[in-house]
Amino acid sequence: MDGIEESLERLAARLSDIAADMDDLGFEHLREAAAGGDAAHLAVERRLLRARRAVARAVAALRADDTAAAGPISP
């Protein structure tokens, strides 16, 4: 793996850790919403979910190689 690929993988790994933190926080807000019925917790969880999906897309983009980005090859 060359220098740029190693840098991209390190960024992807950091973003994966951030995504895991977002998941934990989202689950915490869901539990609180279920326990107390507070709609504000659900709103926060929805925001976290949208952000989590964006981070997951960024991780996938960083880890994609040039052949995968070109799409599938037809037989």
Protein backbone atom coordinates (compact mmCIF):
# COMPACT_ATOMS: atom_id res chain seq x y z
CA MET A 1 0.00 0.00 0.00
CA ASP A 2 1.52 3.34 -0.96
CA GLY A 3 1.47 6.52 1.12
CA ILE A 4 -1.75 7.98 -0.21
CA GLU A 5 -3.62 4.68 0.12
CA GLU A 6 -2.41 4.34 3.71
CA SER A 7 -3.57 7.89 4.44
CA LEU A 8 -6.98 7.19 2.94
CA GLU A 9 -7.30 4.00 4.97
CA ARG A 10 -6.38 5.85 8.18
CA LEU A 11 -9.07 8.44 7.42
CA ALA A 12 -11.58 5.69 6.70
CA ALA A 13 -10.72 3.99 9.99
CA ARG A 14 -11.16 7.24 11.93
CA LEU A 15 -14.51 7.85 10.24
CA SER A 16 -15.57 4.28 11.09
CA ASP A 17 -14.81 4.99 14.75
CA ILE A 18 -16.86 8.19 14.56
CA ALA A 19 -19.74 6.25 12.98
CA ALA A 20 -19.63 3.77 15.86
CA ASP A 21 -19.79 6.67 18.33
CA MET A 22 -22.80 8.03 16.44
CA ASP A 23 -24.48 4.63 16.65
CA ASP A 24 -23.94 4.50 20.41
CA LEU A 25 -25.33 7.99 20.89
CA GLY A 26 -28.30 7.24 18.63
CA PHE A 27 -29.15 4.09 20.59
CA GLU A 28 -28.89 6.04 23.82
CA HIS A 29 -31.40 8.60 22.54
CA LEU A 30 -33.74 5.84 21.34
CA ARG A 31 -33.66 4.22 24.79
CA GLU A 32 -34.39 7.57 26.45
CA ALA A 33 -37.23 8.25 24.03
CA ALA A 34 -38.73 4.82 24.70
CA ALA A 35 -38.42 5.28 28.47
CA GLY A 36 -39.82 8.79 28.64
CA GLY A 37 -41.69 9.26 25.40
CA ASP A 38 -39.75 12.44 24.63
CA ALA A 39 -40.04 13.32 20.94
CA ALA A 40 -36.88 15.45 21.15
CA HIS A 41 -34.82 12.29 21.64
CA LEU A 42 -36.31 10.81 18.49
CA ALA A 43 -35.45 13.95 16.53
CA VAL A 44 -31.85 13.77 17.70
CA GLU A 45 -31.67 10.09 16.76
CA ARG A 46 -32.95 10.89 13.26
CA ARG A 47 -30.27 13.57 12.85
CA LEU A 48 -27.62 11.14 14.01
CA LEU A 49 -28.90 8.51 11.59
CA ARG A 50 -28.65 10.90 8.63
CA ALA A 51 -25.14 11.91 9.67
CA ARG A 52 -24.18 8.27 10.23
CA ARG A 53 -25.26 7.36 6.71
CA ALA A 54 -23.21 10.23 5.28
CA VAL A 55 -20.15 9.05 7.21
CA ALA A 56 -20.71 5.49 5.96
CA ARG A 57 -20.78 6.79 2.38
CA ALA A 58 -17.53 8.67 3.00
CA VAL A 59 -15.89 5.52 4.38
CA ALA A 60 -17.01 3.54 1.34
CA ALA A 61 -15.69 6.23 -1.00
CA LEU A 62 -12.32 6.29 0.74
CA ARG A 63 -12.01 2.53 0.63
CA ALA A 64 -13.20 2.12 -2.98
CA ASP A 65 -10.61 1.19 -5.53
CA ASP A 66 -10.62 2.46 -9.10
CA THR A 67 -12.02 -0.78 -10.53
CA ALA A 68 -14.98 -0.79 -8.13
CA ALA A 69 -15.76 2.84 -8.95
CA ALA A 70 -16.07 1.96 -12.64
CA GLY A 71 -19.01 -0.33 -11.93
CA PRO A 72 -19.58 -3.99 -12.75
CA ILE A 73 -18.16 -5.51 -15.87
CA SER A 74 -20.73 -7.08 -18.17
CA PRO A 75 -20.01 -10.62 -19.43
